[in-house]
Amino acid sequence: MEVQERVAQYVHDNGITQKHIAEKTGISKVKISQMFNGNRKMMADEFVSICAAINKEPNDFIKVHE
């Protein structure tokens, strides 16, 4: 599972709306929807902004292969 898939799953599981994320980050709801549906790659700055908006650390979504 990719990072953006983990973020999308967390958002879904915790009932966080795309509207909330859009308002907190300034990223359009359309772009957020495209990212969460796998139709657009999440850029690094968007990832960091989304993590801040949902009160999570970026490392919470990054898995290091051992």
N, C-alpha and C. Protein backbone atom coordinates (compact mmCIF):
# COMPACT_ATOMS: atom_id res chain seq x y z
N MET A 1 0.85 -1.19 0.00
CA MET A 1 0.00 0.00 0.00
C MET A 1 0.89 1.24 0.00
N GLU A 2 0.58 2.18 -0.88
CA GLU A 2 1.36 3.41 -0.98
C GLU A 2 0.96 4.40 0.11
N VAL A 3 1.81 5.39 0.31
CA VAL A 3 1.58 6.40 1.35
C VAL A 3 0.22 7.06 1.16
N GLN A 4 -0.10 7.49 -0.05
CA GLN A 4 -1.37 8.20 -0.23
C GLN A 4 -2.56 7.28 0.02
N GLU A 5 -2.39 5.99 -0.21
CA GLU A 5 -3.46 5.03 0.11
C GLU A 5 -3.63 4.91 1.62
N ARG A 6 -2.52 4.93 2.35
CA ARG A 6 -2.59 4.87 3.82
C ARG A 6 -3.27 6.12 4.37
N VAL A 7 -2.93 7.28 3.82
CA VAL A 7 -3.56 8.53 4.26
C VAL A 7 -5.05 8.48 3.97
N ALA A 8 -5.43 8.08 2.77
CA ALA A 8 -6.84 8.01 2.39
C ALA A 8 -7.59 7.05 3.30
N GLN A 9 -7.00 5.92 3.62
CA GLN A 9 -7.63 4.94 4.50
C GLN A 9 -7.82 5.52 5.90
N TYR A 10 -6.80 6.20 6.41
CA TYR A 10 -6.89 6.82 7.74
C TYR A 10 -8.02 7.85 7.76
N VAL A 11 -8.06 8.70 6.74
CA VAL A 11 -9.09 9.73 6.65
C VAL A 11 -10.47 9.09 6.63
N HIS A 12 -10.64 8.08 5.81
CA HIS A 12 -11.93 7.38 5.72
C HIS A 12 -12.31 6.73 7.05
N ASP A 13 -11.37 5.99 7.64
CA ASP A 13 -11.65 5.26 8.88
C ASP A 13 -11.99 6.18 10.05
N ASN A 14 -11.49 7.42 10.00
CA ASN A 14 -11.69 8.35 11.11
C ASN A 14 -12.75 9.41 10.81
N GLY A 15 -13.46 9.25 9.71
CA GLY A 15 -14.57 10.13 9.40
C GLY A 15 -14.18 11.57 9.11
N ILE A 16 -12.96 11.76 8.65
CA ILE A 16 -12.48 13.10 8.31
C ILE A 16 -12.94 13.41 6.89
N THR A 17 -13.53 14.58 6.69
CA THR A 17 -14.04 14.91 5.36
C THR A 17 -12.96 15.55 4.49
N GLN A 18 -13.13 15.36 3.20
CA GLN A 18 -12.23 16.01 2.25
C GLN A 18 -12.41 17.52 2.32
N LYS A 19 -13.62 17.95 2.63
CA LYS A 19 -13.88 19.39 2.79
C LYS A 19 -13.03 19.96 3.93
N HIS A 20 -12.97 19.26 5.03
CA HIS A 20 -12.15 19.69 6.18
C HIS A 20 -10.69 19.83 5.76
N ILE A 21 -10.19 18.82 5.06
CA ILE A 21 -8.79 18.84 4.63
C ILE A 21 -8.56 20.01 3.66
N ALA A 22 -9.50 20.22 2.74
CA ALA A 22 -9.38 21.31 1.77
C ALA A 22 -9.33 22.66 2.48
N GLU A 23 -10.19 22.83 3.47
CA GLU A 23 -10.23 24.10 4.20
C GLU A 23 -8.94 24.33 4.98
N LYS A 24 -8.37 23.28 5.57
CA LYS A 24 -7.16 23.40 6.39
C LYS A 24 -5.90 23.57 5.54
N THR A 25 -5.89 23.00 4.33
CA THR A 25 -4.67 22.98 3.53
C THR A 25 -4.66 23.97 2.37
N GLY A 26 -5.84 24.36 1.91
CA GLY A 26 -5.91 25.18 0.71
C GLY A 26 -5.81 24.38 -0.58
N ILE A 27 -5.77 23.06 -0.46
CA ILE A 27 -5.78 22.18 -1.62
C ILE A 27 -7.24 21.96 -2.01
N SER A 28 -7.54 22.04 -3.28
CA SER A 28 -8.94 21.92 -3.71
C SER A 28 -9.49 20.53 -3.39
N LYS A 29 -10.80 20.47 -3.17
CA LYS A 29 -11.45 19.19 -2.91
C LYS A 29 -11.29 18.25 -4.09
N VAL A 30 -11.27 18.81 -5.30
CA VAL A 30 -11.09 17.99 -6.50
C VAL A 30 -9.73 17.30 -6.46
N LYS A 31 -8.67 18.05 -6.16
CA LYS A 31 -7.33 17.46 -6.09
C LYS A 31 -7.25 16.40 -4.98
N ILE A 32 -7.85 16.69 -3.84
CA ILE A 32 -7.83 15.72 -2.74
C ILE A 32 -8.55 14.45 -3.16
N SER A 33 -9.70 14.60 -3.77
CA SER A 33 -10.45 13.44 -4.25
C SER A 33 -9.63 12.63 -5.25
N GLN A 34 -8.98 13.32 -6.18
CA GLN A 34 -8.16 12.63 -7.18
C GLN A 34 -7.01 11.87 -6.52
N MET A 35 -6.39 12.47 -5.51
CA MET A 35 -5.29 11.80 -4.80
C MET A 35 -5.80 10.56 -4.07
N PHE A 36 -6.90 10.72 -3.35
CA PHE A 36 -7.42 9.62 -2.54
C PHE A 36 -8.01 8.50 -3.39
N ASN A 37 -8.39 8.81 -4.60
CA ASN A 37 -8.91 7.80 -5.51
C ASN A 37 -7.84 7.20 -6.41
N GLY A 38 -6.60 7.65 -6.26
CA GLY A 38 -5.50 7.10 -7.03
C GLY A 38 -5.37 7.65 -8.44
N ASN A 39 -6.08 8.74 -8.74
CA ASN A 39 -6.02 9.32 -10.07
C ASN A 39 -4.98 10.43 -10.20
N ARG A 40 -4.31 10.74 -9.10
CA ARG A 40 -3.30 11.80 -9.09
C ARG A 40 -2.32 11.48 -7.98
N LYS A 41 -1.04 11.67 -8.25
CA LYS A 41 -0.03 11.45 -7.22
C LYS A 41 -0.05 12.60 -6.21
N MET A 42 0.19 12.27 -4.97
CA MET A 42 0.27 13.26 -3.91
C MET A 42 1.71 13.81 -3.89
N MET A 43 1.84 15.12 -4.00
CA MET A 43 3.15 15.76 -3.95
C MET A 43 3.60 15.83 -2.48
N ALA A 44 4.89 15.94 -2.28
CA ALA A 44 5.45 15.94 -0.92
C ALA A 44 4.88 17.08 -0.07
N ASP A 45 4.78 18.28 -0.65
CA ASP A 45 4.26 19.40 0.13
C ASP A 45 2.78 19.20 0.46
N GLU A 46 2.04 18.58 -0.43
CA GLU A 46 0.63 18.28 -0.16
C GLU A 46 0.51 17.24 0.97
N PHE A 47 1.38 16.25 0.93
CA PHE A 47 1.41 15.21 1.96
C PHE A 47 1.64 15.83 3.34
N VAL A 48 2.62 16.71 3.43
CA VAL A 48 2.94 17.35 4.71
C VAL A 48 1.76 18.21 5.18
N SER A 49 1.14 18.95 4.26
CA SER A 49 -0.01 19.79 4.61
C SER A 49 -1.19 18.96 5.08
N ILE A 50 -1.45 17.85 4.40
CA ILE A 50 -2.57 16.99 4.77
C ILE A 50 -2.31 16.37 6.14
N CYS A 51 -1.10 15.93 6.39
CA CYS A 51 -0.76 15.37 7.70
C CYS A 51 -1.02 16.39 8.81
N ALA A 52 -0.61 17.63 8.59
CA ALA A 52 -0.84 18.69 9.58
C ALA A 52 -2.34 18.90 9.79
N ALA A 53 -3.11 18.87 8.72
CA ALA A 53 -4.56 19.10 8.80
C ALA A 53 -5.27 18.00 9.58
N ILE A 54 -4.73 16.79 9.55
CA ILE A 54 -5.39 15.68 10.26
C ILE A 54 -4.65 15.32 11.55
N ASN A 55 -3.71 16.20 11.96
CA ASN A 55 -2.98 16.04 13.22
C ASN A 55 -2.21 14.73 13.32
N LYS A 56 -1.55 14.37 12.23
CA LYS A 56 -0.71 13.18 12.20
C LYS A 56 0.68 13.56 11.73
N GLU A 57 1.65 12.79 12.10
CA GLU A 57 3.02 13.00 11.63
C GLU A 57 3.20 12.25 10.31
N PRO A 58 3.93 12.82 9.38
CA PRO A 58 4.18 12.11 8.12
C PRO A 58 4.74 10.70 8.33
N ASN A 59 5.59 10.53 9.32
CA ASN A 59 6.17 9.21 9.58
C ASN A 59 5.14 8.16 9.96
N ASP A 60 3.96 8.60 10.40
CA ASP A 60 2.89 7.66 10.75
C ASP A 60 2.42 6.88 9.52
N PHE A 61 2.66 7.43 8.33
CA PHE A 61 2.17 6.81 7.10
C PHE A 61 3.29 6.19 6.25
N ILE A 62 4.52 6.36 6.71
CA ILE A 62 5.66 5.86 5.95
C ILE A 62 6.15 4.58 6.59
N LYS A 63 6.20 3.52 5.80
CA LYS A 63 6.72 2.24 6.29
C LYS A 63 8.12 2.03 5.74
N VAL A 64 9.01 1.65 6.61
CA VAL A 64 10.37 1.33 6.21
C VAL A 64 10.47 -0.18 6.13
N HIS A 65 10.89 -0.66 4.98
CA HIS A 65 11.03 -2.11 4.79
C HIS A 65 12.27 -2.58 5.54
N GLU A 66 12.09 -3.62 6.30
CA GLU A 66 13.22 -4.16 7.08
C GLU A 66 13.81 -5.35 6.38
